[in-house]
Amino acid sequence: MAWWEFDAGDLEHPGRDREQSTLWRAGVLSESERAEVEAEWRREFDVTRGKSARERREHYEFHDIPDELIERWQGTRKRRRRQAAALVEEAARPAQPGNPSG
């Protein structure tokens, strides 16, 4: 609390549950602190695979994962699923005469 009172500048204390995301967004974490908290958030993000949208949202909020990272990581998941589906589709196509892959 002393840091928030004397060193935080214009940052207001968001409450204990939102400290990490507030500091992350403000860019005041050291490189190692940032890497550590992002790795922790990524682990918690990955835990939600297979859960409902409501369960995922509650989990993200509980772990204070910034929306910006959630959106980035969800985009990565969607791209991977599209790439995997394209590979399956391509593998299922019958070989065409003159097609180098078949």
C-alpha atoms as a PDB file:
ATOM      1  CA  MET A   1       0.000   0.000   0.000  1.00  0.00           C
ATOM      2  CA  ALA A   2       2.908   2.355   0.626  1.00  0.00           C
ATOM      3  CA  TRP A   3       3.945   2.103  -3.032  1.00  0.00           C
ATOM      4  CA  TRP A   4       0.437   3.041  -4.138  1.00  0.00           C
ATOM      5  CA  GLU A   5       0.380   5.944  -1.711  1.00  0.00           C
ATOM      6  CA  PHE A   6       3.806   7.425  -2.380  1.00  0.00           C
ATOM      7  CA  ASP A   7       5.189   6.116  -5.672  1.00  0.00           C
ATOM      8  CA  ALA A   8       2.248   5.307  -7.947  1.00  0.00           C
ATOM      9  CA  GLY A   9       1.944   8.832  -9.290  1.00  0.00           C
ATOM     10  CA  ASP A  10      -1.423   9.292 -10.991  1.00  0.00           C
ATOM     11  CA  LEU A  11      -2.351   5.622 -10.673  1.00  0.00           C
ATOM     12  CA  GLU A  12      -5.159   4.973  -8.245  1.00  0.00           C
ATOM     13  CA  HIS A  13      -5.219   1.746  -6.281  1.00  0.00           C
ATOM     14  CA  PRO A  14      -7.805  -0.441  -8.053  1.00  0.00           C
ATOM     15  CA  GLY A  15      -8.233  -2.826  -5.142  1.00  0.00           C
ATOM     16  CA  ARG A  16      -6.240  -5.922  -4.456  1.00  0.00           C
ATOM     17  CA  ASP A  17      -8.051  -8.020  -7.073  1.00  0.00           C
ATOM     18  CA  ARG A  18      -7.034  -5.750  -9.983  1.00  0.00           C
ATOM     19  CA  GLU A  19      -3.526  -4.672  -8.992  1.00  0.00           C
ATOM     20  CA  GLN A  20      -1.619  -6.828 -11.466  1.00  0.00           C
ATOM     21  CA  SER A  21      -3.603  -5.845 -14.556  1.00  0.00           C
ATOM     22  CA  THR A  22      -3.496  -2.183 -13.557  1.00  0.00           C
ATOM     23  CA  LEU A  23       0.289  -2.247 -13.172  1.00  0.00           C
ATOM     24  CA  TRP A  24       0.650  -4.270 -16.410  1.00  0.00           C
ATOM     25  CA  ARG A  25      -1.450  -1.782 -18.402  1.00  0.00           C
ATOM     26  CA  ALA A  26       0.422   1.180 -16.883  1.00  0.00           C
ATOM     27  CA  GLY A  27       3.732  -0.315 -17.996  1.00  0.00           C
ATOM     28  CA  VAL A  28       5.336  -0.021 -14.568  1.00  0.00           C
ATOM     29  CA  LEU A  29       6.317  -3.675 -14.167  1.00  0.00           C
ATOM     30  CA  SER A  30       9.919  -4.653 -14.797  1.00  0.00           C
ATOM     31  CA  GLU A  31      10.558  -6.900 -17.787  1.00  0.00           C
ATOM     32  CA  SER A  32      10.894  -9.959 -15.539  1.00  0.00           C
ATOM     33  CA  GLU A  33       7.747  -9.080 -13.549  1.00  0.00           C
ATOM     34  CA  ARG A  34       5.820  -8.604 -16.776  1.00  0.00           C
ATOM     35  CA  ALA A  35       7.048 -11.935 -18.187  1.00  0.00           C
ATOM     36  CA  GLU A  36       6.190 -13.718 -14.944  1.00  0.00           C
ATOM     37  CA  VAL A  37       2.669 -12.335 -14.661  1.00  0.00           C
ATOM     38  CA  GLU A  38       1.953 -12.930 -18.363  1.00  0.00           C
ATOM     39  CA  ALA A  39       3.133 -16.540 -18.047  1.00  0.00           C
ATOM     40  CA  GLU A  40       0.870 -17.012 -15.022  1.00  0.00           C
ATOM     41  CA  TRP A  41      -2.079 -15.494 -16.881  1.00  0.00           C
ATOM     42  CA  ARG A  42      -1.397 -17.685 -19.917  1.00  0.00           C
ATOM     43  CA  ARG A  43      -1.453 -20.811 -17.746  1.00  0.00           C
ATOM     44  CA  GLU A  44      -4.782 -19.718 -16.280  1.00  0.00           C
ATOM     45  CA  PHE A  45      -6.113 -18.893 -19.753  1.00  0.00           C
ATOM     46  CA  ASP A  46      -5.166 -22.368 -21.009  1.00  0.00           C
ATOM     47  CA  VAL A  47      -6.958 -24.020 -18.060  1.00  0.00           C
ATOM     48  CA  THR A  48     -10.280 -22.822 -19.493  1.00  0.00           C
ATOM     49  CA  ARG A  49     -10.190 -24.927 -22.661  1.00  0.00           C
ATOM     50  CA  GLY A  50     -13.430 -26.835 -23.004  1.00  0.00           C
ATOM     51  CA  LYS A  51     -15.298 -24.645 -20.519  1.00  0.00           C
ATOM     52  CA  SER A  52     -18.413 -22.617 -21.285  1.00  0.00           C
ATOM     53  CA  ALA A  53     -18.113 -18.931 -22.165  1.00  0.00           C
ATOM     54  CA  ARG A  54     -19.497 -17.978 -18.755  1.00  0.00           C
ATOM     55  CA  GLU A  55     -17.018 -20.219 -16.936  1.00  0.00           C
ATOM     56  CA  ARG A  56     -14.130 -18.818 -18.985  1.00  0.00           C
ATOM     57  CA  ARG A  57     -15.144 -15.209 -18.310  1.00  0.00           C
ATOM     58  CA  GLU A  58     -15.450 -15.848 -14.559  1.00  0.00           C
ATOM     59  CA  HIS A  59     -12.063 -17.562 -14.508  1.00  0.00           C
ATOM     60  CA  TYR A  60     -10.402 -14.706 -16.415  1.00  0.00           C
ATOM     61  CA  GLU A  61     -11.922 -12.121 -14.083  1.00  0.00           C
ATOM     62  CA  PHE A  62     -10.919 -14.068 -10.972  1.00  0.00           C
ATOM     63  CA  HIS A  63      -7.320 -14.226 -12.194  1.00  0.00           C
ATOM     64  CA  ASP A  64      -7.330 -10.568 -13.362  1.00  0.00           C
ATOM     65  CA  ILE A  65      -6.304 -11.444 -16.934  1.00  0.00           C
ATOM     66  CA  PRO A  66      -6.384  -8.287 -19.097  1.00  0.00           C
ATOM     67  CA  ASP A  67      -8.923  -8.308 -21.935  1.00  0.00           C
ATOM     68  CA  GLU A  68      -6.167  -7.363 -24.377  1.00  0.00           C
ATOM     69  CA  LEU A  69      -4.320 -10.620 -23.688  1.00  0.00           C
ATOM     70  CA  ILE A  70      -7.504 -12.691 -23.763  1.00  0.00           C
ATOM     71  CA  GLU A  71      -8.348 -11.323 -27.209  1.00  0.00           C
ATOM     72  CA  ARG A  72      -4.823 -11.953 -28.487  1.00  0.00           C
ATOM     73  CA  TRP A  73      -4.751 -15.505 -27.164  1.00  0.00           C
ATOM     74  CA  GLN A  74      -8.258 -16.292 -28.415  1.00  0.00           C
ATOM     75  CA  GLY A  75      -7.175 -15.128 -31.865  1.00  0.00           C
ATOM     76  CA  THR A  76      -4.236 -17.528 -31.704  1.00  0.00           C
ATOM     77  CA  ARG A  77      -6.568 -20.404 -30.769  1.00  0.00           C
ATOM     78  CA  LYS A  78      -8.941 -19.578 -33.635  1.00  0.00           C
ATOM     79  CA  ARG A  79      -6.084 -19.407 -36.171  1.00  0.00           C
ATOM     80  CA  ARG A  80      -4.766 -22.774 -35.005  1.00  0.00           C
ATOM     81  CA  ARG A  81      -8.225 -24.342 -35.312  1.00  0.00           C
ATOM     82  CA  ARG A  82      -8.660 -22.906 -38.839  1.00  0.00           C
ATOM     83  CA  GLN A  83      -5.213 -24.140 -39.884  1.00  0.00           C
ATOM     84  CA  ALA A  84      -5.921 -27.617 -38.502  1.00  0.00           C
ATOM     85  CA  ALA A  85      -9.305 -27.738 -40.256  1.00  0.00           C
ATOM     86  CA  ALA A  86      -7.693 -26.685 -43.541  1.00  0.00           C
ATOM     87  CA  LEU A  87      -5.095 -29.453 -43.225  1.00  0.00           C
ATOM     88  CA  VAL A  88      -7.788 -32.054 -42.533  1.00  0.00           C
ATOM     89  CA  GLU A  89      -9.828 -30.802 -45.471  1.00  0.00           C
ATOM     90  CA  GLU A  90      -6.821 -30.873 -47.761  1.00  0.00           C
ATOM     91  CA  ALA A  91      -5.911 -34.391 -46.680  1.00  0.00           C
ATOM     92  CA  ALA A  92      -9.481 -35.567 -47.338  1.00  0.00           C
ATOM     93  CA  ARG A  93      -9.543 -34.211 -50.916  1.00  0.00           C
ATOM     94  CA  PRO A  94      -9.143 -36.835 -53.617  1.00  0.00           C
ATOM     95  CA  ALA A  95      -5.924 -36.566 -55.580  1.00  0.00           C
ATOM     96  CA  GLN A  96      -6.308 -34.716 -58.867  1.00  0.00           C
ATOM     97  CA  PRO A  97      -4.364 -35.679 -62.009  1.00  0.00           C
ATOM     98  CA  GLY A  98      -1.665 -33.133 -62.581  1.00  0.00           C
ATOM     99  CA  ASN A  99      -1.795 -31.996 -58.962  1.00  0.00           C
ATOM    100  CA  PRO A 100       1.743 -32.137 -57.553  1.00  0.00           C
ATOM    101  CA  SER A 101       0.408 -33.233 -54.144  1.00  0.00           C
ATOM    102  CA  GLY A 102      -1.507 -36.155 -55.563  1.00  0.00           C
END
